[in-house]
Protein backbone atom coordinates (compact mmCIF):
# COMPACT_ATOMS: atom_id res chain seq x y z
CA UNK A 1 37.59 -115.22 -234.65
CA UNK A 2 38.37 -111.29 -233.17
CA UNK A 3 40.61 -111.29 -230.35
CA UNK A 4 38.79 -109.59 -228.23
CA UNK A 5 41.12 -109.86 -225.47
CA UNK A 6 44.14 -108.16 -227.42
CA UNK A 7 42.36 -105.64 -228.69
CA UNK A 8 40.90 -104.90 -224.87
CA UNK A 9 44.98 -105.18 -223.78
CA UNK A 10 45.57 -102.88 -227.07
CA UNK A 11 42.62 -99.88 -225.98
CA UNK A 12 43.49 -100.10 -222.09
CA UNK A 13 45.98 -97.09 -221.58
CA UNK A 14 44.05 -94.92 -224.05
CA UNK A 15 40.43 -95.81 -222.69
CA UNK A 16 41.58 -95.14 -218.49
CA UNK A 17 44.14 -91.86 -219.95
CA UNK A 18 40.98 -90.71 -221.17
CA UNK A 19 38.75 -91.61 -218.68
CA UNK A 20 40.50 -90.71 -215.85
CA UNK A 21 41.33 -87.29 -217.31
CA UNK A 22 37.99 -86.07 -218.05
CA UNK A 23 36.83 -87.34 -214.55
CA UNK A 24 39.32 -85.29 -212.65
CA UNK A 25 39.40 -81.85 -214.86
CA UNK A 26 35.42 -81.87 -214.65
CA UNK A 27 35.48 -82.65 -210.66
CA UNK A 28 38.06 -79.76 -210.54
CA UNK A 29 36.41 -77.65 -212.70
CA UNK A 30 32.59 -77.99 -211.73
CA UNK A 31 33.21 -76.21 -208.53
CA UNK A 32 34.49 -73.11 -210.19
CA UNK A 33 31.92 -73.33 -212.59
CA UNK A 34 29.51 -73.34 -209.81
CA UNK A 35 31.21 -70.13 -208.51
CA UNK A 36 31.35 -68.48 -212.08
CA UNK A 37 27.71 -69.00 -212.36
CA UNK A 38 26.43 -67.61 -209.36
CA UNK A 39 28.69 -64.46 -210.01
CA UNK A 40 26.89 -63.58 -213.82
CA UNK A 41 23.28 -64.89 -212.58
CA UNK A 42 23.09 -68.22 -214.39
CA UNK A 43 20.60 -70.09 -211.95
CA UNK A 44 17.67 -71.37 -212.38
CA UNK A 45 15.21 -71.08 -209.80
CA UNK A 46 13.50 -74.35 -208.53
CA UNK A 47 9.71 -74.83 -209.48
CA UNK A 48 9.54 -71.80 -211.49
CA UNK A 49 7.54 -71.79 -214.72
CA UNK A 50 9.57 -73.41 -218.17
CA UNK A 51 7.24 -73.08 -221.23
CA UNK A 52 4.03 -74.76 -220.65
CA UNK A 53 5.67 -76.96 -217.14
CA UNK A 54 7.44 -76.31 -214.20
CA UNK A 55 11.29 -77.17 -213.13
CA UNK A 56 11.45 -79.63 -210.81
CA UNK A 57 15.12 -79.25 -208.77
CA UNK A 58 14.96 -77.11 -205.64
CA UNK A 59 16.51 -73.75 -205.00
CA UNK A 60 18.31 -71.45 -206.86
CA UNK A 61 20.67 -73.80 -208.86
CA UNK A 62 24.04 -72.84 -211.50
CA UNK A 63 22.80 -74.02 -215.09
CA UNK A 64 25.44 -73.80 -217.21
CA UNK A 65 27.41 -77.09 -215.91
CA UNK A 66 27.93 -78.04 -219.75
CA UNK A 67 31.23 -75.37 -219.75
CA UNK A 68 32.53 -78.28 -217.00
CA UNK A 69 31.88 -81.11 -219.12
CA UNK A 70 33.23 -79.52 -222.66
CA UNK A 71 36.39 -78.24 -220.98
CA UNK A 72 37.04 -82.20 -219.30
CA UNK A 73 35.74 -83.63 -222.26
CA UNK A 74 38.56 -81.64 -224.80
CA UNK A 75 41.26 -82.05 -222.41
CA UNK A 76 40.56 -85.77 -222.12
CA UNK A 77 40.61 -86.22 -226.12
CA UNK A 78 44.12 -84.10 -226.23
CA UNK A 79 45.05 -86.65 -223.57
CA UNK A 80 44.36 -89.39 -225.23
CA UNK A 81 45.50 -88.27 -228.24
CA UNK A 82 48.87 -87.78 -227.13
CA UNK A 83 49.23 -91.42 -225.06
CA UNK A 84 48.42 -93.67 -228.27
CA UNK A 85 48.14 -91.60 -231.05
CA UNK A 86 48.94 -94.86 -233.09
CA UNK A 87 45.34 -95.34 -232.37
CA UNK A 88 43.22 -92.48 -233.73
CA UNK A 89 45.50 -91.41 -236.71
CA UNK A 90 42.70 -92.61 -239.18
CA UNK A 91 40.41 -90.54 -237.11
CA UNK A 92 42.06 -86.80 -236.67
CA UNK A 93 39.67 -85.30 -238.93
CA UNK A 94 36.85 -86.60 -237.48
CA UNK A 95 37.57 -86.51 -234.21
CA UNK A 96 38.23 -82.48 -234.77
CA UNK A 97 34.99 -82.18 -236.36
CA UNK A 98 33.42 -83.78 -233.01
CA UNK A 99 35.08 -81.75 -231.18
CA UNK A 100 34.37 -78.58 -232.89
CA UNK A 101 30.78 -79.26 -233.08
CA UNK A 102 29.99 -80.36 -230.03
CA UNK A 103 31.66 -76.62 -228.62
CA UNK A 104 29.15 -75.26 -231.55
CA UNK A 105 26.57 -77.24 -229.40
CA UNK A 106 27.48 -76.36 -225.99
CA UNK A 107 27.89 -72.44 -227.05
CA UNK A 108 24.29 -72.22 -228.52
CA UNK A 109 23.31 -73.95 -225.37
CA UNK A 110 24.87 -71.18 -222.78
CA UNK A 111 23.25 -68.64 -224.96
CA UNK A 112 19.84 -70.21 -224.42
CA UNK A 113 20.54 -70.77 -220.70
CA UNK A 114 20.79 -66.80 -220.35
CA UNK A 115 19.36 -65.55 -222.81
CA UNK A 116 16.86 -68.39 -224.33
CA UNK A 117 17.33 -68.65 -228.17
CA UNK A 118 14.65 -69.06 -230.52
CA UNK A 119 13.71 -72.44 -231.61
CA UNK A 120 14.32 -71.84 -235.40
CA UNK A 121 17.62 -70.37 -234.51
CA UNK A 122 18.64 -73.40 -231.99
CA UNK A 123 17.54 -75.70 -234.60
CA UNK A 124 19.48 -74.08 -237.66
CA UNK A 125 22.53 -74.20 -235.37
CA UNK A 126 22.12 -77.92 -234.57
CA UNK A 127 22.03 -78.35 -238.76
CA UNK A 128 25.22 -76.43 -239.00
CA UNK A 129 26.86 -79.00 -236.51
CA UNK A 130 25.65 -81.85 -238.11
CA UNK A 131 26.55 -80.54 -241.05
CA UNK A 132 30.25 -80.44 -239.66
CA UNK A 133 30.48 -84.04 -239.18
CA UNK A 134 28.97 -85.18 -242.79
CA UNK A 135 31.48 -82.56 -244.54
CA UNK A 136 34.12 -84.50 -242.88
CA UNK A 137 33.08 -88.01 -243.48
CA UNK A 138 31.14 -88.85 -240.17
CA UNK A 139 28.06 -90.02 -241.93
CA UNK A 140 25.76 -92.94 -242.12
CA UNK A 141 26.30 -94.48 -245.15
CA UNK A 142 24.42 -98.04 -245.15
CA UNK A 143 21.78 -99.53 -242.99
CA UNK A 144 21.43 -103.37 -242.00
CA UNK A 145 19.81 -105.51 -243.93
CA UNK A 146 18.38 -107.66 -240.85
CA UNK A 147 16.12 -110.05 -243.37
CA UNK A 148 19.17 -111.00 -245.75
CA UNK A 149 21.37 -112.36 -243.26
CA UNK A 150 22.84 -108.97 -241.75
CA UNK A 151 24.27 -107.89 -244.72
CA UNK A 152 24.42 -104.07 -245.54
CA UNK A 153 22.06 -102.08 -247.73
CA UNK A 154 24.56 -98.95 -249.04
CA UNK A 155 22.39 -96.17 -249.52
CA UNK A 156 23.11 -93.04 -252.06
CA UNK A 157 25.36 -89.88 -251.12
CA UNK A 158 21.89 -87.42 -250.81
CA UNK A 159 19.97 -89.63 -248.81
CA UNK A 160 23.27 -90.69 -246.05
CA UNK A 161 23.47 -86.76 -245.97
CA UNK A 162 20.11 -86.55 -245.07
CA UNK A 163 19.90 -89.42 -242.50
CA UNK A 164 22.46 -88.19 -241.03
CA UNK A 165 21.63 -84.63 -240.11
CA UNK A 166 18.13 -85.83 -239.25
CA UNK A 167 19.60 -88.63 -236.20
CA UNK A 168 22.08 -86.30 -234.88
CA UNK A 169 19.32 -83.53 -234.69
CA UNK A 170 17.12 -85.67 -233.70
CA UNK A 171 18.87 -87.16 -230.89
CA UNK A 172 20.71 -84.19 -229.98
CA UNK A 173 17.13 -83.06 -228.98
CA UNK A 174 16.06 -85.93 -227.40
CA UNK A 175 18.99 -86.08 -224.56
CA UNK A 176 17.82 -82.29 -223.92
CA UNK A 177 14.14 -83.47 -223.85
CA UNK A 178 15.44 -86.18 -220.86
CA UNK A 179 17.69 -84.06 -219.12
CA UNK A 180 14.34 -83.24 -216.47
CA UNK A 181 15.42 -84.27 -213.22
CA UNK A 182 18.79 -84.25 -210.95
CA UNK A 183 21.08 -86.69 -212.21
CA UNK A 184 18.94 -88.29 -214.92
CA UNK A 185 20.57 -86.99 -218.01
CA UNK A 186 24.47 -87.40 -216.52
CA UNK A 187 23.63 -90.63 -215.27
CA UNK A 188 22.04 -91.96 -218.85
CA UNK A 189 25.17 -90.51 -220.43
CA UNK A 190 27.78 -92.14 -218.37
CA UNK A 191 25.60 -96.12 -218.55
CA UNK A 192 25.09 -94.94 -222.44
CA UNK A 193 29.15 -94.34 -222.70
CA UNK A 194 30.21 -97.30 -220.85
CA UNK A 195 28.12 -99.65 -222.83
CA UNK A 196 28.91 -98.53 -226.18
CA UNK A 197 32.79 -98.52 -224.90
CA UNK A 198 32.11 -102.41 -223.93
CA UNK A 199 31.50 -102.76 -227.78
CA UNK A 200 34.26 -100.56 -229.07
CA UNK A 201 36.98 -102.00 -228.03
CA UNK A 202 35.86 -105.45 -229.58
CA UNK A 203 37.55 -104.09 -232.37
CA UNK A 204 40.91 -102.87 -233.41
CA UNK A 205 39.47 -100.05 -235.88
CA UNK A 206 37.90 -98.07 -233.28
CA UNK A 207 39.96 -96.15 -231.81
CA UNK A 208 38.29 -92.65 -232.60
CA UNK A 209 35.41 -94.10 -230.96
CA UNK A 210 37.01 -95.86 -227.79
CA UNK A 211 38.79 -92.08 -227.11
CA UNK A 212 35.40 -90.51 -227.52
CA UNK A 213 33.29 -93.04 -225.56
CA UNK A 214 35.79 -92.92 -222.47
CA UNK A 215 36.34 -89.50 -222.16
CA UNK A 216 32.66 -88.73 -222.38
CA UNK A 217 31.89 -91.41 -219.80
CA UNK A 218 34.81 -90.21 -217.63
CA UNK A 219 32.87 -86.44 -218.12
CA UNK A 220 29.27 -87.41 -217.26
CA UNK A 221 30.46 -89.43 -214.47
CA UNK A 222 32.32 -86.71 -212.67
CA UNK A 223 29.40 -84.34 -213.36
CA UNK A 224 26.81 -86.80 -211.86
CA UNK A 225 28.88 -86.51 -208.33
CA UNK A 226 27.55 -82.71 -208.08
CA UNK A 227 24.30 -83.25 -210.13
CA UNK A 228 22.84 -85.87 -207.96
CA UNK A 229 19.66 -84.79 -206.29
CA UNK A 230 19.56 -82.13 -204.72
CA UNK A 231 21.80 -80.74 -207.44
CA UNK A 232 24.60 -78.37 -206.63
CA UNK A 233 24.40 -77.67 -210.21
CA UNK A 234 22.53 -78.62 -213.61
CA UNK A 235 24.53 -79.18 -217.16
CA UNK A 236 21.48 -76.83 -218.75
CA UNK A 237 20.95 -77.07 -222.60
CA UNK A 238 25.00 -76.02 -222.87
CA UNK A 239 25.65 -79.92 -221.75
CA UNK A 240 22.49 -81.79 -222.66
CA UNK A 241 23.03 -80.51 -226.54
CA UNK A 242 26.74 -81.67 -225.70
CA UNK A 243 26.40 -85.03 -224.75
CA UNK A 244 23.51 -85.57 -227.53
CA UNK A 245 25.52 -84.57 -230.00
CA UNK A 246 28.76 -86.52 -229.33
CA UNK A 247 26.64 -89.75 -228.11
CA UNK A 248 24.86 -89.35 -232.13
CA UNK A 249 28.23 -88.86 -233.75
CA UNK A 250 29.94 -91.69 -232.16
CA UNK A 251 26.81 -94.18 -233.15
CA UNK A 252 27.91 -92.88 -236.39
CA UNK A 253 31.74 -92.74 -236.17
CA UNK A 254 31.83 -96.46 -234.36
CA UNK A 255 29.47 -98.03 -237.78
CA UNK A 256 31.98 -96.83 -240.26
CA UNK A 257 34.31 -99.80 -239.52
CA UNK A 258 31.79 -102.47 -238.99
CA UNK A 259 33.30 -105.79 -238.43
CA UNK A 260 30.47 -107.47 -237.43
CA UNK A 261 26.74 -106.66 -239.16
CA UNK A 262 25.13 -107.39 -235.66
CA UNK A 263 27.45 -104.77 -233.83
CA UNK A 264 25.21 -101.61 -235.48
CA UNK A 265 22.37 -102.76 -232.94
CA UNK A 266 24.37 -101.67 -229.43
CA UNK A 267 23.91 -97.86 -230.65
CA UNK A 268 20.29 -98.18 -231.51
CA UNK A 269 19.44 -100.06 -228.16
CA UNK A 270 21.77 -98.53 -225.81
CA UNK A 271 20.21 -94.93 -227.03
CA UNK A 272 16.54 -96.05 -227.09
CA UNK A 273 15.45 -94.25 -224.28
CA UNK A 274 15.72 -90.77 -225.02
CA UNK A 275 14.47 -91.43 -228.27
CA UNK A 276 10.99 -93.22 -226.91
CA UNK A 277 10.62 -90.20 -224.63
CA UNK A 278 10.62 -87.64 -227.42
CA UNK A 279 8.71 -89.66 -229.69
CA UNK A 280 6.02 -90.46 -226.72
CA UNK A 281 5.90 -86.75 -225.92
CA UNK A 282 6.09 -84.99 -229.65
CA UNK A 283 3.02 -87.42 -229.88
CA UNK A 284 1.38 -86.27 -227.05
CA UNK A 285 1.62 -82.59 -227.74
CA UNK A 286 0.50 -82.92 -231.29
CA UNK A 287 -2.72 -84.48 -230.37
CA UNK A 288 -3.74 -82.02 -227.73
CA UNK A 289 -2.56 -79.33 -230.08
CA UNK A 290 0.39 -77.66 -228.59
CA UNK A 291 3.68 -76.93 -229.77
CA UNK A 292 5.97 -80.31 -229.30
CA UNK A 293 8.78 -77.27 -228.85
CA UNK A 294 7.12 -76.00 -225.85
CA UNK A 295 8.57 -77.60 -222.50
CA UNK A 296 6.21 -79.38 -220.33
CA UNK A 297 5.63 -82.00 -217.75
CA UNK A 298 4.69 -84.86 -219.91
CA UNK A 299 7.76 -86.98 -220.25
CA UNK A 300 8.60 -90.29 -219.07
CA UNK A 301 10.37 -89.04 -216.17
CA UNK A 302 7.67 -86.64 -215.28
CA UNK A 303 4.95 -89.53 -215.59
CA UNK A 304 6.55 -91.93 -213.53
CA UNK A 305 7.60 -89.17 -210.66
CA UNK A 306 4.32 -88.07 -210.38
CA UNK A 307 2.49 -91.68 -210.08
CA UNK A 308 5.52 -92.81 -208.12
CA UNK A 309 6.27 -89.81 -205.52
CA UNK A 310 10.03 -89.59 -205.79
CA UNK A 311 12.43 -88.00 -207.80
CA UNK A 312 14.93 -89.96 -206.75
CA UNK A 313 13.33 -93.54 -207.71
CA UNK A 314 12.32 -92.19 -210.90
CA UNK A 315 16.19 -91.83 -211.13
CA UNK A 316 17.35 -94.99 -210.49
CA UNK A 317 14.57 -96.80 -212.27
CA UNK A 318 15.54 -95.14 -215.44
CA UNK A 319 18.96 -95.58 -214.81
CA UNK A 320 18.57 -99.63 -214.47
CA UNK A 321 16.44 -99.38 -217.68
CA UNK A 322 19.45 -97.58 -219.60
CA UNK A 323 21.50 -100.26 -217.87
CA UNK A 324 19.45 -103.22 -218.85
CA UNK A 325 19.22 -102.17 -222.72
CA UNK A 326 23.21 -101.49 -222.98
CA UNK A 327 23.37 -105.29 -221.22
CA UNK A 328 20.93 -106.23 -224.23
CA UNK A 329 22.91 -104.17 -226.90
CA UNK A 330 26.61 -105.37 -225.92
CA UNK A 331 24.88 -109.44 -226.11
CA UNK A 332 23.27 -108.61 -229.07
CA UNK A 333 26.83 -107.29 -230.29
CA UNK A 334 28.59 -110.73 -229.40
CA UNK A 335 30.24 -109.03 -226.75
CA UNK A 336 32.00 -111.93 -224.44
CA UNK A 337 29.92 -112.24 -221.11
CA UNK A 338 32.96 -111.91 -219.40
CA UNK A 339 33.37 -108.29 -220.82
CA UNK A 340 29.62 -107.54 -220.30
CA UNK A 341 29.71 -108.59 -216.85
CA UNK A 342 32.70 -107.04 -215.62
CA UNK A 343 30.92 -103.34 -217.71
CA UNK A 344 27.93 -103.71 -215.80
CA UNK A 345 29.72 -104.18 -212.55
CA UNK A 346 31.75 -101.40 -213.24
CA UNK A 347 29.15 -99.05 -214.60
CA UNK A 348 26.80 -99.97 -211.41
CA UNK A 349 29.82 -99.39 -208.65
CA UNK A 350 30.93 -96.22 -210.54
CA UNK A 351 27.40 -94.72 -210.71
CA UNK A 352 26.65 -95.61 -206.81
CA UNK A 353 29.89 -94.63 -205.69
CA UNK A 354 29.29 -90.78 -206.89
CA UNK A 355 25.68 -91.26 -206.02
CA UNK A 356 26.38 -92.08 -202.70
CA UNK A 357 29.31 -89.36 -201.86
CA UNK A 358 26.74 -87.00 -203.16
CA UNK A 359 23.82 -88.10 -200.72
CA UNK A 360 26.76 -88.03 -197.89
CA UNK A 361 27.73 -84.57 -198.63
CA UNK A 362 23.83 -83.44 -198.37
CA UNK A 363 23.28 -85.51 -195.13
CA UNK A 364 26.54 -83.42 -193.63
CA UNK A 365 25.18 -80.49 -194.53
CA UNK A 366 21.92 -80.98 -192.81
CA UNK A 367 23.82 -82.07 -189.96
CA UNK A 368 25.53 -78.93 -189.51
CA UNK A 369 22.24 -76.77 -190.39
């Protein structure tokens, strides 16, 4: 029987430190990154053509917010490792690999935001970043046999490498595909991180996952403060690649030491929305004979936006879908109802608070104008 209260108290200082440092760092950094982006011309024009589609934000918006997210995330990882080093000692190699791979993803995303990197080169860089995880022991070594009473089916090493690379590269691009409306991807990242964090804190051997998820949640939530529509900055490919990569990596890291077989269900459900979106987009584009890599307004959020006529409604609806998947994932992972409810309340309050702060700022700017 897992002592959830004991593990929760064990991880509380680590989680609070990483979350608070990430949140504070990104809140402080975003205005400075925004000013830097304006100086170097790193802006996107809303309504302009993007591949075969049209960008959906309004006005000229800086698009390299991923730099602020990466900096806040890394500072939070460092702070967390200093506060509770004994909880992450077994994961230092894996954490460094994820930090290095995330920095590489942010770099190629930044270059793509500025000058557009050809798809083959982007893909090759993503494979290298996924390879950094594999060679440092972050890999999918088994699958759960749900038809065999939840036992594990271990897979050969070569297949393990291929499956891990496909998952990391695939989900990184899936998360990038969901970044199409102001606040959508930053909100989904925050909700997903909080949901997976509730699962991770139940087990005393998940220190690495707790640190990563708390830092990611704080970074994404702080960025949402500036990114909820109308956004003053977007994360760009630099941010989307980073968030997608870290979420994919931590879902693998969290499964390295599994105490309960059913806990593997949580990442699959919590991260399902971006996967469903990229799957339907790819099939839709292949059916009409166009390249899956060519941008177009045929994502789930584009379809809902076109039918509802509201960007904010679409964003909140997809946040709600992600939250529901998170709750189901927590419950199926044997997360105690009290912890599930607490995570739900904290997530909703946090998302609502930063979103309302942004809306209040918009209203003040409108009244002054």
